[in-house]
Amino acid sequence: MITYMKSQNSGKTSSTKDVWDQIEASYSSNDLERLLPLKAIEAALSFKDSLAEQIKSQREEAGLTQRELAKLASISQRDVSFLEQSKGNPTITTVSRILHVLDLKLQIKAA
């Protein structure tokens, strides 16, 4: 997974977008076509991490423990824990139940 990459010149880290911009500028369109699955994987992992952060933040803001959220969502506390740690592969039903309890909506936008 490409999350950050150190620049050889500045010693600073680059964002994922900067890394992909550099890759896209360095490779031919044929080579880039072969890299698309990697970009899709990166986007999925980034989404999963972002979802985990949002759920944990909203749960804490609502003053709920993982156990309380699990009970309200009719799922296991383990599922809440795994989701907040960006582990496992929760079903859309599990995610939907949590989002409903936390009064959150899932929006997916095409890049």
Protein backbone atom coordinates (compact mmCIF):
# COMPACT_ATOMS: atom_id res chain seq x y z
CA MET A 1 0.00 0.00 0.00
CA ILE A 2 1.36 3.41 -0.91
CA THR A 3 0.49 5.92 1.76
CA TYR A 4 3.47 8.21 1.94
CA MET A 5 6.78 8.34 0.19
CA LYS A 6 9.86 10.34 1.16
CA SER A 7 11.10 12.75 -1.43
CA GLN A 8 14.75 12.18 -2.24
CA ASN A 9 15.35 15.89 -2.61
CA SER A 10 13.58 17.46 0.33
CA GLY A 11 13.34 14.68 2.90
CA LYS A 12 9.64 15.54 3.27
CA THR A 13 6.84 13.03 2.92
CA SER A 14 4.39 13.20 0.04
CA SER A 15 0.67 12.54 0.15
CA THR A 16 -0.81 9.60 -1.70
CA LYS A 17 -2.09 12.00 -4.36
CA ASP A 18 1.42 13.41 -4.84
CA VAL A 19 2.83 9.89 -5.16
CA TRP A 20 0.26 8.91 -7.80
CA ASP A 21 0.84 12.20 -9.64
CA GLN A 22 4.55 11.37 -9.79
CA ILE A 23 3.85 7.83 -10.96
CA GLU A 24 1.43 9.03 -13.64
CA ALA A 25 3.98 11.58 -14.88
CA SER A 26 6.72 8.94 -15.06
CA TYR A 27 4.98 6.10 -16.90
CA SER A 28 3.46 5.57 -20.33
CA SER A 29 -0.30 5.12 -20.66
CA ASN A 30 0.20 1.36 -21.25
CA ASP A 31 2.18 1.03 -18.03
CA LEU A 32 -0.38 3.09 -16.13
CA GLU A 33 -3.17 0.78 -17.29
CA ARG A 34 -1.41 -2.08 -15.51
CA LEU A 35 -1.17 0.03 -12.34
CA LEU A 36 -4.91 0.79 -12.15
CA PRO A 37 -5.65 -2.22 -9.90
CA LEU A 38 -3.08 -0.89 -7.41
CA LYS A 39 -4.71 2.54 -7.45
CA ALA A 40 -8.12 0.94 -6.83
CA ILE A 41 -6.72 -1.05 -3.89
CA GLU A 42 -5.16 2.11 -2.46
CA ALA A 43 -8.48 3.95 -2.75
CA ALA A 44 -10.38 1.12 -1.06
CA LEU A 45 -7.91 0.95 1.83
CA SER A 46 -7.98 4.71 2.24
CA PHE A 47 -11.78 4.64 2.31
CA LYS A 48 -11.74 1.89 4.92
CA ASP A 49 -9.35 3.88 7.14
CA SER A 50 -11.41 7.04 6.76
CA LEU A 51 -14.62 5.19 7.63
CA ALA A 52 -12.97 3.72 10.73
CA GLU A 53 -11.84 7.16 11.91
CA GLN A 54 -15.27 8.71 11.32
CA ILE A 55 -17.12 5.97 13.17
CA LYS A 56 -14.80 6.08 16.17
CA SER A 57 -14.92 9.88 16.30
CA GLN A 58 -18.72 10.02 16.07
CA ARG A 59 -19.13 7.23 18.63
CA GLU A 60 -16.92 9.05 21.11
CA GLU A 61 -18.66 12.36 20.39
CA ALA A 62 -22.00 10.67 21.13
CA GLY A 63 -20.57 9.45 24.44
CA LEU A 64 -21.03 5.79 23.57
CA THR A 65 -18.79 2.87 24.35
CA GLN A 66 -18.17 0.25 21.70
CA ARG A 67 -20.41 -2.11 23.63
CA GLU A 68 -23.25 0.44 23.76
CA LEU A 69 -22.96 1.18 20.04
CA ALA A 70 -22.95 -2.54 19.27
CA LYS A 71 -26.09 -3.09 21.30
CA LEU A 72 -27.91 -0.19 19.63
CA ALA A 73 -26.84 -1.44 16.19
CA SER A 74 -27.68 -5.10 16.98
CA ILE A 75 -24.16 -6.25 16.18
CA SER A 76 -21.27 -7.57 18.25
CA GLN A 77 -18.83 -5.35 20.11
CA ARG A 78 -16.10 -7.24 18.25
CA ASP A 79 -17.54 -5.98 14.93
CA VAL A 80 -17.44 -2.39 16.19
CA SER A 81 -13.87 -2.84 17.41
CA PHE A 82 -12.71 -4.37 14.13
CA LEU A 83 -14.40 -1.64 12.11
CA GLU A 84 -12.82 1.12 14.20
CA GLN A 85 -9.41 -0.52 13.74
CA SER A 86 -9.97 -0.86 9.98
CA LYS A 87 -9.67 -4.63 10.31
CA GLY A 88 -11.71 -7.32 8.64
CA ASN A 89 -14.30 -6.81 5.93
CA PRO A 90 -17.59 -5.69 7.44
CA THR A 91 -20.76 -6.25 5.49
CA ILE A 92 -22.72 -3.30 4.17
CA THR A 93 -25.44 -4.29 6.64
CA THR A 94 -23.06 -3.94 9.58
CA VAL A 95 -21.79 -0.58 8.35
CA SER A 96 -25.34 0.61 7.65
CA ARG A 97 -26.51 -0.29 11.15
CA ILE A 98 -23.65 1.63 12.75
CA LEU A 99 -24.13 4.64 10.50
CA HIS A 100 -27.85 4.67 11.28
CA VAL A 101 -27.26 4.68 15.05
CA LEU A 102 -24.67 7.46 14.72
CA ASP A 103 -26.93 9.42 12.33
CA LEU A 104 -24.28 9.36 9.59
CA LYS A 105 -24.74 8.93 5.86
CA LEU A 106 -22.43 7.17 3.47
CA GLN A 107 -21.61 9.14 0.33
CA ILE A 108 -19.47 7.72 -2.43
CA LYS A 109 -18.22 10.12 -5.07
CA ALA A 110 -16.44 9.18 -8.25
CA ALA A 111 -13.04 10.78 -8.61
